[in-house]
Amino acid sequence: MPSCEVMEKVETPIHFFTGDFVSDERLQEYVDYSNLVLDNSCVPMRRTIAYITRINLKDFESHDTGRLHKQLIDTVGGATLKPMQKKGRYYGLILPEGHAFGRGGFVGEAHLNFSRSFL
């Protein structure tokens, strides 16, 4: 592992939108792993869970990121997402295993045209 210069870490909170298929503990494991990768890469950043909102993902069938983002806006409302679209804040849509989005080999995606904060 590289020797990293000790720096103050920037905290980047993430608000997760997901269904009941994933536990809070499992989401924390994902965030902990991302923090390990950041540490091992000498990136002075730390991810945190800001909040977890459970939503009904029944109609989230598209494999297209733009359509999924639009469905999220329609489901939770633009006013809910607007405060999360500030620099240094993020929100993510977590889909179930086997979802059409992942069938193309994707695990995740961020697209600046939709939102600089959406993953």
N, C-alpha and C. Protein backbone atom coordinates (compact mmCIF):
# COMPACT_ATOMS: atom_id res chain seq x y z
N MET A 1 0.83 -1.18 0.00
CA MET A 1 0.00 0.00 0.00
C MET A 1 0.88 1.25 0.00
N PRO A 2 0.43 2.28 -0.66
CA PRO A 2 1.21 3.51 -0.65
C PRO A 2 1.18 4.17 0.72
N SER A 3 2.21 4.92 1.01
CA SER A 3 2.24 5.68 2.25
C SER A 3 1.54 7.02 1.97
N CYS A 4 0.48 7.28 2.69
CA CYS A 4 -0.33 8.47 2.43
C CYS A 4 0.03 9.59 3.41
N GLU A 5 0.05 10.80 2.89
CA GLU A 5 0.23 11.96 3.75
C GLU A 5 -1.08 12.15 4.52
N VAL A 6 -0.98 12.31 5.82
CA VAL A 6 -2.18 12.47 6.64
C VAL A 6 -2.78 13.84 6.36
N MET A 7 -4.03 13.84 5.92
CA MET A 7 -4.75 15.07 5.61
C MET A 7 -6.13 15.01 6.24
N GLU A 8 -6.72 16.17 6.40
CA GLU A 8 -8.11 16.20 6.86
C GLU A 8 -8.99 15.64 5.76
N LYS A 9 -9.91 14.77 6.13
CA LYS A 9 -10.78 14.14 5.15
C LYS A 9 -12.06 14.95 4.96
N VAL A 10 -12.45 15.07 3.72
CA VAL A 10 -13.71 15.73 3.38
C VAL A 10 -14.82 14.70 3.52
N GLU A 11 -15.86 15.03 4.26
CA GLU A 11 -16.98 14.12 4.44
C GLU A 11 -18.00 14.33 3.33
N THR A 12 -18.40 13.24 2.69
CA THR A 12 -19.38 13.32 1.61
C THR A 12 -20.58 12.44 1.95
N PRO A 13 -21.64 13.05 2.43
CA PRO A 13 -22.84 12.30 2.80
C PRO A 13 -23.62 11.84 1.57
N ILE A 14 -24.19 10.65 1.68
CA ILE A 14 -25.00 10.07 0.61
C ILE A 14 -26.37 9.72 1.17
N HIS A 15 -27.42 10.14 0.47
CA HIS A 15 -28.79 9.78 0.81
C HIS A 15 -29.18 8.65 -0.14
N PHE A 16 -29.49 7.49 0.42
CA PHE A 16 -29.84 6.32 -0.39
C PHE A 16 -31.35 6.19 -0.51
N PHE A 17 -31.81 5.88 -1.72
CA PHE A 17 -33.20 5.52 -1.99
C PHE A 17 -33.16 4.07 -2.45
N THR A 18 -33.92 3.23 -1.76
CA THR A 18 -33.90 1.81 -2.07
C THR A 18 -35.16 1.13 -1.55
N GLY A 19 -35.28 -0.15 -1.82
CA GLY A 19 -36.41 -0.93 -1.34
C GLY A 19 -36.05 -1.67 -0.06
N ASP A 20 -36.91 -2.60 0.32
CA ASP A 20 -36.71 -3.36 1.55
C ASP A 20 -35.77 -4.55 1.39
N PHE A 21 -35.24 -4.76 0.20
CA PHE A 21 -34.41 -5.93 -0.07
C PHE A 21 -32.99 -5.81 0.48
N VAL A 22 -32.58 -4.62 0.87
CA VAL A 22 -31.23 -4.42 1.40
C VAL A 22 -31.33 -3.79 2.78
N SER A 23 -30.57 -4.33 3.72
CA SER A 23 -30.63 -3.83 5.10
C SER A 23 -29.75 -2.59 5.27
N ASP A 24 -30.03 -1.86 6.33
CA ASP A 24 -29.20 -0.71 6.67
C ASP A 24 -27.76 -1.16 6.91
N GLU A 25 -27.61 -2.32 7.53
CA GLU A 25 -26.28 -2.85 7.83
C GLU A 25 -25.51 -3.14 6.55
N ARG A 26 -26.19 -3.69 5.54
CA ARG A 26 -25.53 -3.99 4.27
C ARG A 26 -25.10 -2.71 3.57
N LEU A 27 -25.95 -1.69 3.59
CA LEU A 27 -25.57 -0.40 3.00
C LEU A 27 -24.35 0.17 3.72
N GLN A 28 -24.30 0.02 5.04
CA GLN A 28 -23.14 0.50 5.79
C GLN A 28 -21.89 -0.27 5.38
N GLU A 29 -22.01 -1.56 5.11
CA GLU A 29 -20.86 -2.35 4.64
C GLU A 29 -20.35 -1.81 3.30
N TYR A 30 -21.27 -1.45 2.39
CA TYR A 30 -20.86 -0.87 1.11
C TYR A 30 -20.10 0.44 1.31
N VAL A 31 -20.62 1.28 2.20
CA VAL A 31 -19.98 2.58 2.46
C VAL A 31 -18.61 2.36 3.13
N ASP A 32 -18.54 1.42 4.06
CA ASP A 32 -17.27 1.11 4.73
C ASP A 32 -16.23 0.63 3.71
N TYR A 33 -16.67 -0.20 2.77
CA TYR A 33 -15.74 -0.70 1.75
C TYR A 33 -15.26 0.45 0.86
N SER A 34 -16.18 1.36 0.49
CA SER A 34 -15.76 2.49 -0.34
C SER A 34 -14.76 3.36 0.42
N ASN A 35 -14.93 3.49 1.72
CA ASN A 35 -13.98 4.26 2.52
C ASN A 35 -12.62 3.57 2.58
N LEU A 36 -12.60 2.25 2.63
CA LEU A 36 -11.35 1.51 2.60
C LEU A 36 -10.61 1.74 1.28
N VAL A 37 -11.35 1.70 0.18
CA VAL A 37 -10.76 1.96 -1.14
C VAL A 37 -10.19 3.38 -1.20
N LEU A 38 -10.95 4.34 -0.70
CA LEU A 38 -10.47 5.73 -0.67
C LEU A 38 -9.20 5.85 0.17
N ASP A 39 -9.19 5.23 1.35
CA ASP A 39 -8.00 5.26 2.21
C ASP A 39 -6.80 4.64 1.51
N ASN A 40 -7.00 3.48 0.89
CA ASN A 40 -5.90 2.78 0.22
C ASN A 40 -5.41 3.54 -1.01
N SER A 41 -6.24 4.43 -1.53
CA SER A 41 -5.87 5.23 -2.70
C SER A 41 -5.38 6.62 -2.31
N CYS A 42 -5.24 6.87 -1.02
CA CYS A 42 -4.79 8.16 -0.49
C CYS A 42 -5.70 9.31 -0.89
N VAL A 43 -6.97 9.03 -1.03
CA VAL A 43 -7.95 10.07 -1.33
C VAL A 43 -8.49 10.58 0.00
N PRO A 44 -8.32 11.86 0.31
CA PRO A 44 -8.76 12.37 1.61
C PRO A 44 -10.26 12.65 1.66
N MET A 45 -11.02 11.59 1.55
CA MET A 45 -12.48 11.70 1.52
C MET A 45 -13.06 10.56 2.33
N ARG A 46 -14.19 10.83 2.97
CA ARG A 46 -14.90 9.80 3.74
C ARG A 46 -16.37 9.87 3.40
N ARG A 47 -16.93 8.76 2.96
CA ARG A 47 -18.35 8.65 2.66
C ARG A 47 -19.11 8.36 3.95
N THR A 48 -20.30 8.93 4.06
CA THR A 48 -21.18 8.63 5.19
C THR A 48 -22.60 8.45 4.67
N ILE A 49 -23.40 7.74 5.43
CA ILE A 49 -24.81 7.61 5.09
C ILE A 49 -25.54 8.77 5.75
N ALA A 50 -26.12 9.63 4.91
CA ALA A 50 -26.90 10.75 5.42
C ALA A 50 -28.28 10.27 5.86
N TYR A 51 -28.87 9.42 5.01
CA TYR A 51 -30.23 8.94 5.28
C TYR A 51 -30.54 7.80 4.32
N ILE A 52 -31.46 6.96 4.71
CA ILE A 52 -31.94 5.88 3.84
C ILE A 52 -33.45 6.02 3.75
N THR A 53 -33.95 6.21 2.52
CA THR A 53 -35.38 6.31 2.29
C THR A 53 -35.83 5.07 1.54
N ARG A 54 -36.78 4.37 2.11
CA ARG A 54 -37.34 3.17 1.46
C ARG A 54 -38.46 3.61 0.52
N ILE A 55 -38.37 3.17 -0.73
CA ILE A 55 -39.40 3.49 -1.71
C ILE A 55 -39.83 2.20 -2.41
N ASN A 56 -40.98 2.26 -3.06
CA ASN A 56 -41.49 1.14 -3.84
C ASN A 56 -40.81 1.18 -5.21
N LEU A 57 -40.04 0.16 -5.53
CA LEU A 57 -39.29 0.11 -6.79
C LEU A 57 -40.00 -0.74 -7.85
N LYS A 58 -41.24 -1.07 -7.61
CA LYS A 58 -41.99 -1.96 -8.51
C LYS A 58 -41.96 -1.48 -9.96
N ASP A 59 -42.10 -0.18 -10.19
CA ASP A 59 -42.16 0.35 -11.55
C ASP A 59 -40.81 0.80 -12.10
N PHE A 60 -39.75 0.63 -11.35
CA PHE A 60 -38.41 1.00 -11.79
C PHE A 60 -37.83 -0.15 -12.62
N GLU A 61 -38.25 -0.25 -13.87
CA GLU A 61 -37.86 -1.39 -14.70
C GLU A 61 -36.84 -1.06 -15.77
N SER A 62 -36.59 0.19 -16.03
CA SER A 62 -35.71 0.60 -17.12
C SER A 62 -34.26 0.23 -16.84
N HIS A 63 -33.50 0.07 -17.91
CA HIS A 63 -32.06 -0.12 -17.80
C HIS A 63 -31.32 1.19 -18.07
N ASP A 64 -32.06 2.26 -18.37
CA ASP A 64 -31.51 3.56 -18.73
C ASP A 64 -31.42 4.47 -17.50
N THR A 65 -30.23 5.00 -17.25
CA THR A 65 -30.01 5.84 -16.08
C THR A 65 -30.92 7.07 -16.06
N GLY A 66 -31.10 7.70 -17.20
CA GLY A 66 -31.95 8.89 -17.29
C GLY A 66 -33.38 8.60 -16.92
N ARG A 67 -33.89 7.49 -17.40
CA ARG A 67 -35.28 7.11 -17.06
C ARG A 67 -35.41 6.77 -15.58
N LEU A 68 -34.41 6.08 -15.05
CA LEU A 68 -34.45 5.74 -13.63
C LEU A 68 -34.41 7.01 -12.77
N HIS A 69 -33.59 7.97 -13.17
CA HIS A 69 -33.52 9.22 -12.43
C HIS A 69 -34.86 9.96 -12.49
N LYS A 70 -35.47 9.99 -13.66
CA LYS A 70 -36.78 10.64 -13.83
C LYS A 70 -37.83 9.95 -12.95
N GLN A 71 -37.80 8.62 -12.89
CA GLN A 71 -38.75 7.89 -12.05
C GLN A 71 -38.52 8.24 -10.57
N LEU A 72 -37.26 8.40 -10.19
CA LEU A 72 -36.97 8.77 -8.80
C LEU A 72 -37.54 10.16 -8.50
N ILE A 73 -37.36 11.10 -9.42
CA ILE A 73 -37.94 12.44 -9.25
C ILE A 73 -39.45 12.35 -9.12
N ASP A 74 -40.08 11.57 -10.00
CA ASP A 74 -41.53 11.42 -9.96
C ASP A 74 -42.00 10.76 -8.66
N THR A 75 -41.20 9.86 -8.12
CA THR A 75 -41.58 9.12 -6.91
C THR A 75 -41.42 9.96 -5.64
N VAL A 76 -40.28 10.62 -5.50
CA VAL A 76 -40.02 11.34 -4.24
C VAL A 76 -40.22 12.85 -4.36
N GLY A 77 -40.28 13.35 -5.59
CA GLY A 77 -40.50 14.78 -5.81
C GLY A 77 -39.20 15.56 -5.97
N GLY A 78 -39.23 16.48 -6.89
CA GLY A 78 -38.06 17.32 -7.15
C GLY A 78 -37.65 18.14 -5.94
N ALA A 79 -38.63 18.57 -5.14
CA ALA A 79 -38.33 19.38 -3.96
C ALA A 79 -37.53 18.58 -2.93
N THR A 80 -37.73 17.28 -2.89
CA THR A 80 -36.97 16.41 -1.98
C THR A 80 -35.52 16.29 -2.44
N LEU A 81 -35.32 16.19 -3.76
CA LEU A 81 -33.97 15.98 -4.28
C LEU A 81 -33.15 17.26 -4.39
N LYS A 82 -33.79 18.38 -4.57
CA LYS A 82 -33.07 19.64 -4.79
C LYS A 82 -32.01 19.94 -3.72
N PRO A 83 -32.32 19.80 -2.42
CA PRO A 83 -31.29 20.07 -1.41
C PRO A 83 -30.10 19.10 -1.48
N MET A 84 -30.31 17.94 -2.09
CA MET A 84 -29.24 16.94 -2.21
C MET A 84 -28.36 17.19 -3.42
N GLN A 85 -28.70 18.17 -4.23
CA GLN A 85 -27.95 18.43 -5.46
C GLN A 85 -26.93 19.55 -5.28
N LYS A 86 -26.48 19.73 -4.06
CA LYS A 86 -25.47 20.72 -3.75
C LYS A 86 -24.09 20.07 -3.84
N LYS A 87 -23.10 20.88 -4.08
CA LYS A 87 -21.73 20.39 -4.16
C LYS A 87 -21.35 19.65 -2.89
N GLY A 88 -20.81 18.46 -3.06
CA GLY A 88 -20.38 17.67 -1.91
C GLY A 88 -21.45 16.79 -1.29
N ARG A 89 -22.65 16.80 -1.87
CA ARG A 89 -23.74 15.93 -1.37
C ARG A 89 -24.15 15.01 -2.51
N TYR A 90 -24.57 13.81 -2.15
CA TYR A 90 -24.91 12.82 -3.16
C TYR A 90 -26.16 12.05 -2.76
N TYR A 91 -26.84 11.52 -3.78
CA TYR A 91 -27.96 10.62 -3.53
C TYR A 91 -27.88 9.49 -4.53
N GLY A 92 -28.25 8.30 -4.05
CA GLY A 92 -28.13 7.13 -4.89
C GLY A 92 -29.38 6.29 -4.88
N LEU A 93 -29.64 5.69 -6.02
CA LEU A 93 -30.75 4.75 -6.17
C LEU A 93 -30.15 3.34 -6.17
N ILE A 94 -30.51 2.54 -5.19
CA ILE A 94 -30.00 1.18 -5.07
C ILE A 94 -31.09 0.23 -5.54
N LEU A 95 -30.78 -0.51 -6.60
CA LEU A 95 -31.75 -1.42 -7.23
C LEU A 95 -31.47 -2.86 -6.81
N PRO A 96 -32.47 -3.73 -6.88
CA PRO A 96 -32.28 -5.12 -6.46
C PRO A 96 -31.40 -5.90 -7.43
N GLU A 97 -30.79 -6.93 -6.92
CA GLU A 97 -30.00 -7.84 -7.75
C GLU A 97 -30.91 -8.42 -8.84
N GLY A 98 -30.39 -8.51 -10.05
CA GLY A 98 -31.17 -9.04 -11.16
C GLY A 98 -31.96 -7.98 -11.91
N HIS A 99 -31.88 -6.73 -11.47
CA HIS A 99 -32.59 -5.63 -12.14
C HIS A 99 -32.03 -5.45 -13.55
N ALA A 100 -32.87 -4.97 -14.47
CA ALA A 100 -32.48 -4.78 -15.87
C ALA A 100 -31.23 -3.91 -16.01
N PHE A 101 -31.04 -2.93 -15.13
CA PHE A 101 -29.87 -2.06 -15.21
C PHE A 101 -28.58 -2.85 -15.12
N GLY A 102 -28.53 -3.85 -14.25
CA GLY A 102 -27.32 -4.62 -14.03
C GLY A 102 -27.08 -5.73 -15.03
N ARG A 103 -28.05 -6.04 -15.85
CA ARG A 103 -27.90 -7.15 -16.80
C ARG A 103 -26.86 -6.88 -17.87
N GLY A 104 -26.57 -5.61 -18.12
CA GLY A 104 -25.55 -5.27 -19.11
C GLY A 104 -24.15 -5.28 -18.54
N GLY A 105 -24.00 -5.76 -17.32
CA GLY A 105 -22.70 -5.81 -16.67
C GLY A 105 -22.40 -4.60 -15.81
N PHE A 106 -23.33 -3.65 -15.72
CA PHE A 106 -23.13 -2.46 -14.90
C PHE A 106 -23.37 -2.76 -13.44
N VAL A 107 -22.59 -2.15 -12.59
CA VAL A 107 -22.81 -2.21 -11.16
C VAL A 107 -23.30 -0.85 -10.68
N GLY A 108 -22.85 0.20 -11.33
CA GLY A 108 -23.26 1.55 -10.96
C GLY A 108 -22.88 2.53 -12.05
N GLU A 109 -23.48 3.71 -11.98
CA GLU A 109 -23.20 4.71 -12.98
C GLU A 109 -23.58 6.08 -12.43
N ALA A 110 -22.82 7.07 -12.83
CA ALA A 110 -23.14 8.46 -12.54
C ALA A 110 -23.13 9.19 -13.88
N HIS A 111 -24.05 10.10 -14.06
CA HIS A 111 -24.15 10.81 -15.34
C HIS A 111 -24.36 12.29 -15.07
N LEU A 112 -23.40 13.12 -15.47
CA LEU A 112 -23.45 14.54 -15.16
C LEU A 112 -24.61 15.27 -15.82
N ASN A 113 -25.18 14.73 -16.90
CA ASN A 113 -26.30 15.40 -17.56
C ASN A 113 -27.56 15.38 -16.72
N PHE A 114 -27.72 14.39 -15.85
CA PHE A 114 -28.92 14.27 -15.04
C PHE A 114 -28.79 15.02 -13.73
N SER A 115 -27.67 14.84 -13.08
CA SER A 115 -27.41 15.51 -11.82
C SER A 115 -25.97 15.23 -11.44
N ARG A 116 -25.28 16.23 -10.97
CA ARG A 116 -23.90 16.03 -10.52
C ARG A 116 -23.84 15.27 -9.19
N SER A 117 -24.97 14.98 -8.62
CA SER A 117 -25.03 14.33 -7.31
C SER A 117 -25.64 12.94 -7.34
N PHE A 118 -26.13 12.49 -8.47
CA PHE A 118 -26.89 11.23 -8.56
C PHE A 118 -25.97 10.06 -8.94
N LEU A 119 -26.15 8.98 -8.22
CA LEU A 119 -25.45 7.74 -8.57
C LEU A 119 -26.43 6.60 -8.48
